[in-house]
């Protein structure tokens, strides 16, 4: 199987970050933070995740959205998909939340 074929089976995670998580002036920093977070997280679980970290300007959109080959997955289907890859969705989300907290702290220190 080629590398591209393996990538076709990775789960695409769109994680929408609310500007407010960066403080009262978060709207001024959210774009830069998302770029910073993408670079920092790119290798995290890369064998089964394609990351897309973007600002969450529209609160009607979900914070996290999972897709495979461009098709949205329900939470139950995401659990099954990750289980097939020996991963647990709840543990994965907790791991991601912890990583984002660390990235927010690192970004704030970097931008001063």
PDB file of N, CA and C in Angstrom:
ATOM      1  N   UNK A   1       0.844  -1.179   0.000  1.00  0.00           N
ATOM      2  CA  UNK A   1       0.000   0.000   0.000  1.00  0.00           C
ATOM      3  C   UNK A   1       0.888   1.240   0.000  1.00  0.00           C
ATOM      4  N   UNK A   2       0.555   2.237  -0.781  1.00  0.00           N
ATOM      5  CA  UNK A   2       1.367   3.447  -0.874  1.00  0.00           C
ATOM      6  C   UNK A   2       1.064   4.387   0.275  1.00  0.00           C
ATOM      7  N   UNK A   3       1.936   5.369   0.453  1.00  0.00           N
ATOM      8  CA  UNK A   3       1.710   6.370   1.504  1.00  0.00           C
ATOM      9  C   UNK A   3       0.412   7.117   1.250  1.00  0.00           C
ATOM     10  N   UNK A   4       0.113   7.429  -0.015  1.00  0.00           N
ATOM     11  CA  UNK A   4      -1.127   8.140  -0.324  1.00  0.00           C
ATOM     12  C   UNK A   4      -2.346   7.304   0.015  1.00  0.00           C
ATOM     13  N   UNK A   5      -2.284   6.014  -0.229  1.00  0.00           N
ATOM     14  CA  UNK A   5      -3.409   5.146   0.110  1.00  0.00           C
ATOM     15  C   UNK A   5      -3.616   5.128   1.620  1.00  0.00           C
ATOM     16  N   UNK A   6      -2.511   5.101   2.384  1.00  0.00           N
ATOM     17  CA  UNK A   6      -2.633   5.153   3.837  1.00  0.00           C
ATOM     18  C   UNK A   6      -3.264   6.464   4.282  1.00  0.00           C
ATOM     19  N   UNK A   7      -2.873   7.563   3.678  1.00  0.00           N
ATOM     20  CA  UNK A   7      -3.420   8.860   4.046  1.00  0.00           C
ATOM     21  C   UNK A   7      -4.902   8.949   3.723  1.00  0.00           C
ATOM     22  N   UNK A   8      -5.350   8.272   2.688  1.00  0.00           N
ATOM     23  CA  UNK A   8      -6.764   8.296   2.325  1.00  0.00           C
ATOM     24  C   UNK A   8      -7.636   7.737   3.435  1.00  0.00           C
ATOM     25  N   UNK A   9      -7.065   6.910   4.296  1.00  0.00           N
ATOM     26  CA  UNK A   9      -7.840   6.299   5.364  1.00  0.00           C
ATOM     27  C   UNK A   9      -7.707   7.035   6.693  1.00  0.00           C
ATOM     28  N   UNK A  10      -6.896   8.082   6.712  1.00  0.00           N
ATOM     29  CA  UNK A  10      -6.770   8.848   7.952  1.00  0.00           C
ATOM     30  C   UNK A  10      -8.046   9.645   8.186  1.00  0.00           C
ATOM     31  N   UNK A  11      -8.324   9.884   9.441  1.00  0.00           N
ATOM     32  CA  UNK A  11      -9.493  10.674   9.799  1.00  0.00           C
ATOM     33  C   UNK A  11      -9.108  12.149   9.733  1.00  0.00           C
ATOM     34  N   UNK A  12      -9.968  12.955   9.141  1.00  0.00           N
ATOM     35  CA  UNK A  12      -9.735  14.400   9.059  1.00  0.00           C
ATOM     36  C   UNK A  12     -10.439  15.045  10.247  1.00  0.00           C
ATOM     37  N   UNK A  13      -9.686  15.764  11.038  1.00  0.00           N
ATOM     38  CA  UNK A  13     -10.258  16.443  12.199  1.00  0.00           C
ATOM     39  C   UNK A  13     -10.183  17.942  11.991  1.00  0.00           C
ATOM     40  N   UNK A  14     -11.352  18.561  11.927  1.00  0.00           N
ATOM     41  CA  UNK A  14     -11.423  20.018  11.937  1.00  0.00           C
ATOM     42  C   UNK A  14     -11.736  20.417  13.370  1.00  0.00           C
ATOM     43  N   UNK A  15     -10.830  21.171  13.962  1.00  0.00           N
ATOM     44  CA  UNK A  15     -10.998  21.647  15.332  1.00  0.00           C
ATOM     45  C   UNK A  15     -11.127  23.155  15.264  1.00  0.00           C
ATOM     46  N   UNK A  16     -12.285  23.645  15.685  1.00  0.00           N
ATOM     47  CA  UNK A  16     -12.556  25.083  15.644  1.00  0.00           C
ATOM     48  C   UNK A  16     -12.275  25.678  17.021  1.00  0.00           C
ATOM     49  N   UNK A  17     -11.356  26.621  17.060  1.00  0.00           N
ATOM     50  CA  UNK A  17     -10.915  27.245  18.307  1.00  0.00           C
ATOM     51  C   UNK A  17     -11.591  28.604  18.442  1.00  0.00           C
ATOM     52  N   UNK A  18     -12.242  28.817  19.576  1.00  0.00           N
ATOM     53  CA  UNK A  18     -12.917  30.091  19.806  1.00  0.00           C
ATOM     54  C   UNK A  18     -11.897  31.168  20.166  1.00  0.00           C
ATOM     55  N   UNK A  19     -12.044  32.351  19.573  1.00  0.00           N
ATOM     56  CA  UNK A  19     -11.108  33.441  19.866  1.00  0.00           C
ATOM     57  C   UNK A  19     -11.010  33.758  21.359  1.00  0.00           C
ATOM     58  N   UNK A  20     -12.106  33.616  22.090  1.00  0.00           N
ATOM     59  CA  UNK A  20     -12.129  33.933  23.509  1.00  0.00           C
ATOM     60  C   UNK A  20     -11.166  33.114  24.348  1.00  0.00           C
ATOM     61  N   UNK A  21     -10.757  31.951  23.849  1.00  0.00           N
ATOM     62  CA  UNK A  21      -9.825  31.122  24.630  1.00  0.00           C
ATOM     63  C   UNK A  21      -8.450  31.774  24.720  1.00  0.00           C
ATOM     64  N   UNK A  22      -8.216  32.793  23.889  1.00  0.00           N
ATOM     65  CA  UNK A  22      -6.941  33.516  23.918  1.00  0.00           C
ATOM     66  C   UNK A  22      -7.034  34.809  24.719  1.00  0.00           C
ATOM     67  N   UNK A  23      -8.155  35.005  25.405  1.00  0.00           N
ATOM     68  CA  UNK A  23      -8.329  36.197  26.217  1.00  0.00           C
ATOM     69  C   UNK A  23      -9.204  37.232  25.542  1.00  0.00           C
ATOM     70  N   UNK A  24      -9.342  38.404  26.179  1.00  0.00           N
ATOM     71  CA  UNK A  24     -10.249  39.435  25.672  1.00  0.00           C
ATOM     72  C   UNK A  24      -9.886  39.955  24.282  1.00  0.00           C
ATOM     73  N   UNK A  25      -8.614  39.896  23.922  1.00  0.00           N
ATOM     74  CA  UNK A  25      -8.212  40.351  22.585  1.00  0.00           C
ATOM     75  C   UNK A  25      -7.953  39.164  21.649  1.00  0.00           C
ATOM     76  N   UNK A  26      -8.616  38.053  21.937  1.00  0.00           N
ATOM     77  CA  UNK A  26      -8.418  36.826  21.169  1.00  0.00           C
ATOM     78  C   UNK A  26      -8.691  36.959  19.688  1.00  0.00           C
ATOM     79  N   UNK A  27      -9.647  37.826  19.330  1.00  0.00           N
ATOM     80  CA  UNK A  27      -9.954  38.010  17.901  1.00  0.00           C
ATOM     81  C   UNK A  27      -8.743  38.536  17.135  1.00  0.00           C
ATOM     82  N   UNK A  28      -7.880  39.264  17.835  1.00  0.00           N
ATOM     83  CA  UNK A  28      -6.678  39.809  17.193  1.00  0.00           C
ATOM     84  C   UNK A  28      -5.584  38.750  17.021  1.00  0.00           C
ATOM     85  N   UNK A  29      -5.713  37.635  17.728  1.00  0.00           N
ATOM     86  CA  UNK A  29      -4.643  36.633  17.750  1.00  0.00           C
ATOM     87  C   UNK A  29      -5.044  35.263  17.207  1.00  0.00           C
ATOM     88  N   UNK A  30      -6.340  35.042  16.996  1.00  0.00           N
ATOM     89  CA  UNK A  30      -6.810  33.687  16.693  1.00  0.00           C
ATOM     90  C   UNK A  30      -6.230  33.117  15.398  1.00  0.00           C
ATOM     91  N   UNK A  31      -6.097  33.927  14.373  1.00  0.00           N
ATOM     92  CA  UNK A  31      -5.543  33.426  13.097  1.00  0.00           C
ATOM     93  C   UNK A  31      -4.095  32.973  13.292  1.00  0.00           C
ATOM     94  N   UNK A  32      -3.307  33.796  13.964  1.00  0.00           N
ATOM     95  CA  UNK A  32      -1.914  33.446  14.230  1.00  0.00           C
ATOM     96  C   UNK A  32      -1.801  32.218  15.116  1.00  0.00           C
ATOM     97  N   UNK A  33      -2.693  32.140  16.113  1.00  0.00           N
ATOM     98  CA  UNK A  33      -2.662  30.969  16.984  1.00  0.00           C
ATOM     99  C   UNK A  33      -2.970  29.692  16.210  1.00  0.00           C
ATOM    100  N   UNK A  34      -3.959  29.738  15.341  1.00  0.00           N
ATOM    101  CA  UNK A  34      -4.320  28.535  14.578  1.00  0.00           C
ATOM    102  C   UNK A  34      -3.156  28.071  13.703  1.00  0.00           C
ATOM    103  N   UNK A  35      -2.438  29.012  13.109  1.00  0.00           N
ATOM    104  CA  UNK A  35      -1.256  28.651  12.315  1.00  0.00           C
ATOM    105  C   UNK A  35      -0.182  28.033  13.212  1.00  0.00           C
ATOM    106  N   UNK A  36       0.038  28.649  14.366  1.00  0.00           N
ATOM    107  CA  UNK A  36       0.997  28.139  15.345  1.00  0.00           C
ATOM    108  C   UNK A  36       0.601  26.727  15.791  1.00  0.00           C
ATOM    109  N   UNK A  37      -0.678  26.536  16.102  1.00  0.00           N
ATOM    110  CA  UNK A  37      -1.163  25.237  16.568  1.00  0.00           C
ATOM    111  C   UNK A  37      -1.032  24.169  15.487  1.00  0.00           C
ATOM    112  N   UNK A  38      -1.304  24.528  14.246  1.00  0.00           N
ATOM    113  CA  UNK A  38      -1.175  23.563  13.146  1.00  0.00           C
ATOM    114  C   UNK A  38       0.269  23.067  13.038  1.00  0.00           C
ATOM    115  N   UNK A  39       1.220  23.974  13.148  1.00  0.00           N
ATOM    116  CA  UNK A  39       2.635  23.571  13.076  1.00  0.00           C
ATOM    117  C   UNK A  39       3.003  22.692  14.273  1.00  0.00           C
ATOM    118  N   UNK A  40       2.490  23.057  15.435  1.00  0.00           N
ATOM    119  CA  UNK A  40       2.847  22.338  16.659  1.00  0.00           C
ATOM    120  C   UNK A  40       2.215  20.947  16.731  1.00  0.00           C
ATOM    121  N   UNK A  41       1.043  20.794  16.152  1.00  0.00           N
ATOM    122  CA  UNK A  41       0.294  19.548  16.323  1.00  0.00           C
ATOM    123  C   UNK A  41       0.372  18.620  15.114  1.00  0.00           C
ATOM    124  N   UNK A  42       0.986  19.077  14.048  1.00  0.00           N
ATOM    125  CA  UNK A  42       0.992  18.325  12.783  1.00  0.00           C
ATOM    126  C   UNK A  42       1.432  16.874  12.939  1.00  0.00           C
ATOM    127  N   UNK A  43       2.386  16.612  13.806  1.00  0.00           N
ATOM    128  CA  UNK A  43       2.895  15.245  13.935  1.00  0.00           C
ATOM    129  C   UNK A  43       2.148  14.422  14.988  1.00  0.00           C
ATOM    130  N   UNK A  44       1.265  15.056  15.762  1.00  0.00           N
ATOM    131  CA  UNK A  44       0.517  14.349  16.800  1.00  0.00           C
ATOM    132  C   UNK A  44      -0.476  13.383  16.161  1.00  0.00           C
ATOM    133  N   UNK A  45      -0.341  12.127  16.445  1.00  0.00           N
ATOM    134  CA  UNK A  45      -1.233  11.088  15.912  1.00  0.00           C
ATOM    135  C   UNK A  45      -1.342  11.133  14.392  1.00  0.00           C
ATOM    136  N   UNK A  46      -0.266  11.554  13.739  1.00  0.00           N
ATOM    137  CA  UNK A  46      -0.275  11.750  12.286  1.00  0.00           C
ATOM    138  C   UNK A  46      -0.524  10.463  11.506  1.00  0.00           C
ATOM    139  N   UNK A  47      -0.323   9.328  12.132  1.00  0.00           N
ATOM    140  CA  UNK A  47      -0.551   8.078  11.405  1.00  0.00           C
ATOM    141  C   UNK A  47      -2.034   7.856  11.119  1.00  0.00           C
ATOM    142  N   UNK A  48      -2.921   8.520  11.905  1.00  0.00           N
ATOM    143  CA  UNK A  48      -4.341   8.343  11.621  1.00  0.00           C
ATOM    144  C   UNK A  48      -5.156   9.635  11.618  1.00  0.00           C
ATOM    145  N   UNK A  49      -4.501  10.796  11.743  1.00  0.00           N
ATOM    146  CA  UNK A  49      -5.238  12.065  11.766  1.00  0.00           C
ATOM    147  C   UNK A  49      -4.642  13.070  10.785  1.00  0.00           C
ATOM    148  N   UNK A  50      -5.507  13.729  10.048  1.00  0.00           N
ATOM    149  CA  UNK A  50      -5.154  14.902   9.246  1.00  0.00           C
ATOM    150  C   UNK A  50      -5.768  16.087   9.989  1.00  0.00           C
ATOM    151  N   UNK A  51      -4.935  16.998  10.432  1.00  0.00           N
ATOM    152  CA  UNK A  51      -5.378  18.119  11.266  1.00  0.00           C
ATOM    153  C   UNK A  51      -5.816  19.323  10.441  1.00  0.00           C
ATOM    154  N   UNK A  52      -6.828  20.004  10.939  1.00  0.00           N
ATOM    155  CA  UNK A  52      -7.260  21.283  10.391  1.00  0.00           C
ATOM    156  C   UNK A  52      -7.742  22.118  11.576  1.00  0.00           C
ATOM    157  N   UNK A  53      -6.893  22.992  12.070  1.00  0.00           N
ATOM    158  CA  UNK A  53      -7.239  23.839  13.211  1.00  0.00           C
ATOM    159  C   UNK A  53      -7.544  25.226  12.679  1.00  0.00           C
ATOM    160  N   UNK A  54      -8.783  25.663  12.921  1.00  0.00           N
ATOM    161  CA  UNK A  54      -9.256  26.936  12.375  1.00  0.00           C
ATOM    162  C   UNK A  54     -10.003  27.723  13.450  1.00  0.00           C
ATOM    163  N   UNK A  55     -10.159  29.041  13.236  1.00  0.00           N
ATOM    164  CA  UNK A  55     -10.949  29.833  14.179  1.00  0.00           C
ATOM    165  C   UNK A  55     -12.419  29.409  14.157  1.00  0.00           C
ATOM    166  N   UNK A  56     -13.067  29.535  15.284  1.00  0.00           N
ATOM    167  CA  UNK A  56     -14.502  29.245  15.377  1.00  0.00           C
ATOM    168  C   UNK A  56     -15.245  30.573  15.475  1.00  0.00           C
ATOM    169  N   UNK A  57     -15.494  31.153  14.312  1.00  0.00           N
ATOM    170  CA  UNK A  57     -16.237  32.407  14.269  1.00  0.00           C
ATOM    171  C   UNK A  57     -17.742  32.158  14.298  1.00  0.00           C
ATOM    172  N   UNK A  58     -18.175  31.009  13.811  1.00  0.00           N
ATOM    173  CA  UNK A  58     -19.595  30.663  13.728  1.00  0.00           C
ATOM    174  C   UNK A  58     -19.891  29.593  14.775  1.00  0.00           C
ATOM    175  N   UNK A  59     -20.559  29.999  15.859  1.00  0.00           N
ATOM    176  CA  UNK A  59     -20.814  29.066  16.952  1.00  0.00           C
ATOM    177  C   UNK A  59     -21.869  28.019  16.612  1.00  0.00           C
ATOM    178  N   UNK A  60     -22.512  28.157  15.445  1.00  0.00           N
ATOM    179  CA  UNK A  60     -23.463  27.120  15.041  1.00  0.00           C
ATOM    180  C   UNK A  60     -22.731  25.893  14.491  1.00  0.00           C
ATOM    181  N   UNK A  61     -21.452  26.057  14.169  1.00  0.00           N
ATOM    182  CA  UNK A  61     -20.651  24.932  13.686  1.00  0.00           C
ATOM    183  C   UNK A  61     -20.053  24.192  14.879  1.00  0.00           C
ATOM    184  N   UNK A  62     -19.897  22.882  14.766  1.00  0.00           N
ATOM    185  CA  UNK A  62     -19.362  22.121  15.904  1.00  0.00           C
ATOM    186  C   UNK A  62     -17.905  22.475  16.187  1.00  0.00           C
ATOM    187  N   UNK A  63     -17.528  22.322  17.447  1.00  0.00           N
ATOM    188  CA  UNK A  63     -16.135  22.576  17.830  1.00  0.00           C
ATOM    189  C   UNK A  63     -15.210  21.575  17.138  1.00  0.00           C
ATOM    190  N   UNK A  64     -15.644  20.314  17.098  1.00  0.00           N
ATOM    191  CA  UNK A  64     -14.864  19.268  16.432  1.00  0.00           C
ATOM    192  C   UNK A  64     -15.725  18.598  15.378  1.00  0.00           C
ATOM    193  N   UNK A  65     -15.103  18.366  14.231  1.00  0.00           N
ATOM    194  CA  UNK A  65     -15.801  17.686  13.143  1.00  0.00           C
ATOM    195  C   UNK A  65     -14.856  16.647  12.552  1.00  0.00           C
ATOM    196  N   UNK A  66     -15.347  15.432  12.436  1.00  0.00           N
ATOM    197  CA  UNK A  66     -14.547  14.330  11.910  1.00  0.00           C
ATOM    198  C   UNK A  66     -15.058  13.919  10.540  1.00  0.00           C
ATOM    199  N   UNK A  67     -14.125  13.651   9.634  1.00  0.00           N
ATOM    200  CA  UNK A  67     -14.466  13.199   8.288  1.00  0.00           C
ATOM    201  C   UNK A  67     -13.467  12.137   7.853  1.00  0.00           C
ATOM    202  N   UNK A  68     -13.913  11.304   6.938  1.00  0.00           N
ATOM    203  CA  UNK A  68     -13.027  10.377   6.243  1.00  0.00           C
ATOM    204  C   UNK A  68     -13.358  10.495   4.769  1.00  0.00           C
ATOM    205  N   UNK A  69     -12.325  10.778   3.980  1.00  0.00           N
ATOM    206  CA  UNK A  69     -12.492  10.968   2.531  1.00  0.00           C
ATOM    207  C   UNK A  69     -13.578  11.996   2.222  1.00  0.00           C
ATOM    208  N   UNK A  70     -13.635  13.046   3.028  1.00  0.00           N
ATOM    209  CA  UNK A  70     -14.564  14.141   2.800  1.00  0.00           C
ATOM    210  C   UNK A  70     -15.974  13.914   3.303  1.00  0.00           C
ATOM    211  N   UNK A  71     -16.253  12.759   3.880  1.00  0.00           N
ATOM    212  CA  UNK A  71     -17.595  12.463   4.391  1.00  0.00           C
ATOM    213  C   UNK A  71     -17.609  12.598   5.906  1.00  0.00           C
ATOM    214  N   UNK A  72     -18.589  13.358   6.400  1.00  0.00           N
ATOM    215  CA  UNK A  72     -18.707  13.568   7.843  1.00  0.00           C
ATOM    216  C   UNK A  72     -19.052  12.271   8.560  1.00  0.00           C
ATOM    217  N   UNK A  73     -18.493  12.136   9.755  1.00  0.00           N
ATOM    218  CA  UNK A  73     -18.773  10.979  10.595  1.00  0.00           C
ATOM    219  C   UNK A  73     -19.519  11.427  11.842  1.00  0.00           C
ATOM    220  N   UNK A  74     -20.512  10.652  12.243  1.00  0.00           N
ATOM    221  CA  UNK A  74     -21.181  10.897  13.519  1.00  0.00           C
ATOM    222  C   UNK A  74     -20.205  10.543  14.638  1.00  0.00           C
ATOM    223  N   UNK A  75     -20.534  10.921  15.840  1.00  0.00           N
ATOM    224  CA  UNK A  75     -19.670  10.595  16.978  1.00  0.00           C
ATOM    225  C   UNK A  75     -19.525   9.078  17.114  1.00  0.00           C
ATOM    226  N   UNK A  76     -20.632   8.343  16.957  1.00  0.00           N
ATOM    227  CA  UNK A  76     -20.575   6.886  17.076  1.00  0.00           C
ATOM    228  C   UNK A  76     -19.680   6.268  16.007  1.00  0.00           C
ATOM    229  N   UNK A  77     -19.793   6.756  14.778  1.00  0.00           N
ATOM    230  CA  UNK A  77     -18.954   6.219  13.700  1.00  0.00           C
ATOM    231  C   UNK A  77     -17.487   6.599  13.908  1.00  0.00           C
ATOM    232  N   UNK A  78     -17.266   7.789  14.455  1.00  0.00           N
ATOM    233  CA  UNK A  78     -15.894   8.202  14.761  1.00  0.00           C
ATOM    234  C   UNK A  78     -15.290   7.277  15.810  1.00  0.00           C
ATOM    235  N   UNK A  79     -16.086   6.945  16.843  1.00  0.00           N
ATOM    236  CA  UNK A  79     -15.609   6.015  17.874  1.00  0.00           C
ATOM    237  C   UNK A  79     -15.218   4.677  17.260  1.00  0.00           C
ATOM    238  N   UNK A  80     -16.084   4.155  16.382  1.00  0.00           N
ATOM    239  CA  UNK A  80     -15.795   2.870  15.736  1.00  0.00           C
ATOM    240  C   UNK A  80     -14.546   2.954  14.868  1.00  0.00           C
ATOM    241  N   UNK A  81     -14.426   4.039  14.130  1.00  0.00           N
ATOM    242  CA  UNK A  81     -13.282   4.220  13.233  1.00  0.00           C
ATOM    243  C   UNK A  81     -11.982   4.263  14.030  1.00  0.00           C
ATOM    244  N   UNK A  82     -11.984   5.053  15.102  1.00  0.00           N
ATOM    245  CA  UNK A  82     -10.783   5.152  15.930  1.00  0.00           C
ATOM    246  C   UNK A  82     -10.493   3.836  16.650  1.00  0.00           C
ATOM    247  N   UNK A  83     -11.548   3.157  17.076  1.00  0.00           N
ATOM    248  CA  UNK A  83     -11.364   1.860  17.736  1.00  0.00           C
ATOM    249  C   UNK A  83     -10.652   0.879  16.803  1.00  0.00           C
ATOM    250  N   UNK A  84     -10.999   0.914  15.519  1.00  0.00           N
ATOM    251  CA  UNK A  84     -10.346   0.046  14.533  1.00  0.00           C
ATOM    252  C   UNK A  84      -8.858   0.365  14.409  1.00  0.00           C
ATOM    253  N   UNK A  85      -8.475   1.581  14.809  1.00  0.00           N
ATOM    254  CA  UNK A  85      -7.069   1.999  14.773  1.00  0.00           C
ATOM    255  C   UNK A  85      -6.441   1.933  16.161  1.00  0.00           C
ATOM    256  N   UNK A  86      -7.101   1.196  17.058  1.00  0.00           N
ATOM    257  CA  UNK A  86      -6.627   1.038  18.438  1.00  0.00           C
ATOM    258  C   UNK A  86      -6.525   2.367  19.171  1.00  0.00           C
ATOM    259  N   UNK A  87      -7.491   3.239  18.923  1.00  0.00           N
ATOM    260  CA  UNK A  87      -7.542   4.534  19.605  1.00  0.00           C
ATOM    261  C   UNK A  87      -8.940   4.715  20.193  1.00  0.00           C
ATOM    262  N   UNK A  88      -9.014   5.476  21.272  1.00  0.00           N
ATOM    263  CA  UNK A  88     -10.275   5.735  21.958  1.00  0.00           C
ATOM    264  C   UNK A  88     -10.630   7.207  21.789  1.00  0.00           C
ATOM    265  N   UNK A  89     -11.848   7.497  21.347  1.00  0.00           N
ATOM    266  CA  UNK A  89     -12.249   8.875  21.068  1.00  0.00           C
ATOM    267  C   UNK A  89     -12.184   9.750  22.315  1.00  0.00           C
ATOM    268  N   UNK A  90     -12.702   9.270  23.429  1.00  0.00           N
ATOM    269  CA  UNK A  90     -12.692  10.092  24.643  1.00  0.00           C
ATOM    270  C   UNK A  90     -11.262  10.419  25.083  1.00  0.00           C
ATOM    271  N   UNK A  91     -10.392   9.426  25.055  1.00  0.00           N
ATOM    272  CA  UNK A  91      -8.988   9.656  25.422  1.00  0.00           C
ATOM    273  C   UNK A  91      -8.319  10.584  24.412  1.00  0.00           C
ATOM    274  N   UNK A  92      -8.652  10.416  23.139  1.00  0.00           N
ATOM    275  CA  UNK A  92      -8.102  11.262  22.082  1.00  0.00           C
ATOM    276  C   UNK A  92      -8.513  12.719  22.297  1.00  0.00           C
ATOM    277  N   UNK A  93      -9.809  12.948  22.592  1.00  0.00           N
ATOM    278  CA  UNK A  93     -10.288  14.314  22.828  1.00  0.00           C
ATOM    279  C   UNK A  93      -9.620  14.931  24.055  1.00  0.00           C
ATOM    280  N   UNK A  94      -9.467  14.150  25.100  1.00  0.00           N
ATOM    281  CA  UNK A  94      -8.812  14.654  26.311  1.00  0.00           C
ATOM    282  C   UNK A  94      -7.352  15.011  26.022  1.00  0.00           C
ATOM    283  N   UNK A  95      -6.683  14.154  25.280  1.00  0.00           N
ATOM    284  CA  UNK A  95      -5.292  14.387  24.879  1.00  0.00           C
ATOM    285  C   UNK A  95      -5.191  15.666  24.044  1.00  0.00           C
ATOM    286  N   UNK A  96      -6.124  15.856  23.125  1.00  0.00           N
ATOM    287  CA  UNK A  96      -6.146  17.049  22.280  1.00  0.00           C
ATOM    288  C   UNK A  96      -6.399  18.301  23.108  1.00  0.00           C
ATOM    289  N   UNK A  97      -7.368  18.240  24.015  1.00  0.00           N
ATOM    290  CA  UNK A  97      -7.654  19.399  24.867  1.00  0.00           C
ATOM    291  C   UNK A  97      -6.428  19.790  25.691  1.00  0.00           C
ATOM    292  N   UNK A  98      -5.743  18.801  26.252  1.00  0.00           N
ATOM    293  CA  UNK A  98      -4.519  19.074  27.022  1.00  0.00           C
ATOM    294  C   UNK A  98      -3.450  19.715  26.140  1.00  0.00           C
ATOM    295  N   UNK A  99      -3.299  19.190  24.924  1.00  0.00           N
ATOM    296  CA  UNK A  99      -2.304  19.737  23.992  1.00  0.00           C
ATOM    297  C   UNK A  99      -2.642  21.181  23.635  1.00  0.00           C
ATOM    298  N   UNK A 100      -3.930  21.471  23.436  1.00  0.00           N
ATOM    299  CA  UNK A 100      -4.323  22.838  23.083  1.00  0.00           C
ATOM    300  C   UNK A 100      -4.073  23.815  24.226  1.00  0.00           C
ATOM    301  N   UNK A 101      -4.311  23.386  25.451  1.00  0.00           N
ATOM    302  CA  UNK A 101      -4.025  24.248  26.607  1.00  0.00           C
ATOM    303  C   UNK A 101      -2.537  24.589  26.635  1.00  0.00           C
ATOM    304  N   UNK A 102      -1.691  23.585  26.421  1.00  0.00           N
ATOM    305  CA  UNK A 102      -0.240  23.830  26.401  1.00  0.00           C
ATOM    306  C   UNK A 102       0.145  24.754  25.242  1.00  0.00           C
ATOM    307  N   UNK A 103      -0.499  24.571  24.088  1.00  0.00           N
ATOM    308  CA  UNK A 103      -0.190  25.427  22.933  1.00  0.00           C
ATOM    309  C   UNK A 103      -0.635  26.863  23.169  1.00  0.00           C
ATOM    310  N   UNK A 104      -1.787  27.045  23.816  1.00  0.00           N
ATOM    311  CA  UNK A 104      -2.260  28.398  24.134  1.00  0.00           C
ATOM    312  C   UNK A 104      -1.253  29.081  25.057  1.00  0.00           C
ATOM    313  N   UNK A 105      -0.803  28.362  26.087  1.00  0.00           N
ATOM    314  CA  UNK A 105       0.201  28.924  27.002  1.00  0.00           C
ATOM    315  C   UNK A 105       1.487  29.277  26.260  1.00  0.00           C
ATOM    316  N   UNK A 106       1.951  28.374  25.404  1.00  0.00           N
ATOM    317  CA  UNK A 106       3.184  28.620  24.641  1.00  0.00           C
ATOM    318  C   UNK A 106       3.009  29.803  23.697  1.00  0.00           C
ATOM    319  N   UNK A 107       1.849  29.906  23.072  1.00  0.00           N
ATOM    320  CA  UNK A 107       1.594  31.007  22.139  1.00  0.00           C
ATOM    321  C   UNK A 107       1.569  32.344  22.879  1.00  0.00           C
ATOM    322  N   UNK A 108       0.915  32.374  24.037  1.00  0.00           N
ATOM    323  CA  UNK A 108       0.855  33.611  24.828  1.00  0.00           C
ATOM    324  C   UNK A 108       2.254  34.060  25.259  1.00  0.00           C
ATOM    325  N   UNK A 109       3.080  33.110  25.674  1.00  0.00           N
ATOM    326  CA  UNK A 109       4.454  33.450  26.081  1.00  0.00           C
ATOM    327  C   UNK A 109       5.250  33.978  24.894  1.00  0.00           C
ATOM    328  N   UNK A 110       5.005  33.394  23.744  1.00  0.00           N
ATOM    329  CA  UNK A 110       5.739  33.771  22.532  1.00  0.00           C
ATOM    330  C   UNK A 110       5.339  35.162  22.034  1.00  0.00           C
ATOM    331  N   UNK A 111       4.049  35.486  22.153  1.00  0.00           N
ATOM    332  CA  UNK A 111       3.553  36.762  21.624  1.00  0.00           C
ATOM    333  C   UNK A 111       3.502  37.847  22.691  1.00  0.00           C
ATOM    334  N   UNK A 112       3.782  37.464  23.912  1.00  0.00           N
ATOM    335  CA  UNK A 112       3.993  38.364  24.967  1.00  0.00           C
ATOM    336  C   UNK A 112       2.999  39.143  25.628  1.00  0.00           C
TER     337      UNK A 112
END
